């Protein structure tokens, strides 16, 4: 069945109520190692950005104060 663009807009623009979201997330169950996997994924995601930011600010400090 071919969905028309208006129907697609209706599907994707629909906001879910708090009750609908609560009902959906009640059914989500985490397995034993899921929390550790999420922590590792967060570290892998944010650590390179943090390192780049620190190197940038260190470079600015070196450029203005230590040179």
C-alpha atoms as a PDB file:
ATOM      1  CA  UNK A   1       0.000   0.000   0.000  1.00  0.00           C
ATOM      2  CA  UNK A   2       1.371   3.360  -1.005  1.00  0.00           C
ATOM      3  CA  UNK A   3       1.240   5.978   1.733  1.00  0.00           C
ATOM      4  CA  UNK A   4       0.511   9.492   0.584  1.00  0.00           C
ATOM      5  CA  UNK A   5       2.661  12.378   1.833  1.00  0.00           C
ATOM      6  CA  UNK A   6      -0.264  13.777   3.859  1.00  0.00           C
ATOM      7  CA  UNK A   7      -0.664  10.452   5.641  1.00  0.00           C
ATOM      8  CA  UNK A   8       3.082  10.323   6.353  1.00  0.00           C
ATOM      9  CA  UNK A   9       2.970  13.843   7.802  1.00  0.00           C
ATOM     10  CA  UNK A  10       0.073  12.800  10.016  1.00  0.00           C
ATOM     11  CA  UNK A  11       1.904   9.711  11.255  1.00  0.00           C
ATOM     12  CA  UNK A  12       5.208  11.453  12.017  1.00  0.00           C
ATOM     13  CA  UNK A  13       3.792  14.685  13.420  1.00  0.00           C
ATOM     14  CA  UNK A  14       1.552  12.980  15.979  1.00  0.00           C
ATOM     15  CA  UNK A  15       2.723  13.703  19.516  1.00  0.00           C
ATOM     16  CA  UNK A  16       2.340  10.951  22.085  1.00  0.00           C
ATOM     17  CA  UNK A  17       0.792  11.735  25.421  1.00  0.00           C
ATOM     18  CA  UNK A  18       2.589  11.103  28.687  1.00  0.00           C
ATOM     19  CA  UNK A  19       0.339   8.126  29.375  1.00  0.00           C
ATOM     20  CA  UNK A  20       1.180   6.563  26.009  1.00  0.00           C
ATOM     21  CA  UNK A  21       4.892   7.035  26.616  1.00  0.00           C
ATOM     22  CA  UNK A  22       4.658   5.605  30.143  1.00  0.00           C
ATOM     23  CA  UNK A  23       2.774   2.579  28.822  1.00  0.00           C
ATOM     24  CA  UNK A  24       5.376   2.033  26.099  1.00  0.00           C
ATOM     25  CA  UNK A  25       8.382   2.307  28.435  1.00  0.00           C
ATOM     26  CA  UNK A  26       6.826   0.027  31.069  1.00  0.00           C
ATOM     27  CA  UNK A  27       7.106  -2.813  28.578  1.00  0.00           C
ATOM     28  CA  UNK A  28      10.813  -2.174  27.952  1.00  0.00           C
ATOM     29  CA  UNK A  29      12.938  -4.480  30.060  1.00  0.00           C
ATOM     30  CA  UNK A  30      16.699  -4.171  30.357  1.00  0.00           C
ATOM     31  CA  UNK A  31      18.813  -7.285  30.349  1.00  0.00           C
ATOM     32  CA  UNK A  32      21.653  -7.976  32.765  1.00  0.00           C
ATOM     33  CA  UNK A  33      24.470  -6.209  30.881  1.00  0.00           C
ATOM     34  CA  UNK A  34      22.466  -3.407  29.298  1.00  0.00           C
ATOM     35  CA  UNK A  35      23.363  -0.732  31.845  1.00  0.00           C
ATOM     36  CA  UNK A  36      27.079  -1.435  31.538  1.00  0.00           C
ATOM     37  CA  UNK A  37      26.772  -1.367  27.744  1.00  0.00           C
ATOM     38  CA  UNK A  38      25.049   2.040  27.907  1.00  0.00           C
ATOM     39  CA  UNK A  39      27.775   3.408  30.194  1.00  0.00           C
ATOM     40  CA  UNK A  40      30.520   2.150  27.867  1.00  0.00           C
ATOM     41  CA  UNK A  41      28.688   3.609  24.859  1.00  0.00           C
ATOM     42  CA  UNK A  42      28.431   6.960  26.649  1.00  0.00           C
ATOM     43  CA  UNK A  43      32.137   6.947  27.438  1.00  0.00           C
ATOM     44  CA  UNK A  44      33.035   6.043  23.854  1.00  0.00           C
ATOM     45  CA  UNK A  45      30.758   8.825  22.604  1.00  0.00           C
ATOM     46  CA  UNK A  46      31.696  11.677  24.935  1.00  0.00           C
ATOM     47  CA  UNK A  47      35.345  11.011  25.788  1.00  0.00           C
ATOM     48  CA  UNK A  48      36.776  11.920  22.343  1.00  0.00           C
ATOM     49  CA  UNK A  49      34.763  15.173  22.316  1.00  0.00           C
ATOM     50  CA  UNK A  50      35.972  15.992  25.822  1.00  0.00           C
ATOM     51  CA  UNK A  51      39.584  15.287  24.866  1.00  0.00           C
ATOM     52  CA  UNK A  52      39.345  17.521  21.791  1.00  0.00           C
ATOM     53  CA  UNK A  53      37.814  20.331  23.854  1.00  0.00           C
ATOM     54  CA  UNK A  54      40.519  20.050  26.516  1.00  0.00           C
ATOM     55  CA  UNK A  55      43.293  20.072  23.909  1.00  0.00           C
ATOM     56  CA  UNK A  56      41.703  23.122  22.278  1.00  0.00           C
ATOM     57  CA  UNK A  57      41.528  25.059  25.540  1.00  0.00           C
ATOM     58  CA  UNK A  58      45.046  23.975  26.497  1.00  0.00           C
ATOM     59  CA  UNK A  59      46.224  25.232  23.108  1.00  0.00           C
ATOM     60  CA  UNK A  60      44.517  28.577  23.664  1.00  0.00           C
ATOM     61  CA  UNK A  61      46.032  28.882  27.138  1.00  0.00           C
ATOM     62  CA  UNK A  62      49.480  28.048  25.749  1.00  0.00           C
ATOM     63  CA  UNK A  63      49.030  30.516  22.917  1.00  0.00           C
ATOM     64  CA  UNK A  64      48.016  33.431  25.139  1.00  0.00           C
ATOM     65  CA  UNK A  65      49.844  32.818  28.411  1.00  0.00           C
ATOM     66  CA  UNK A  66      52.743  30.417  28.064  1.00  0.00           C
ATOM     67  CA  UNK A  67      54.290  31.381  24.763  1.00  0.00           C
END
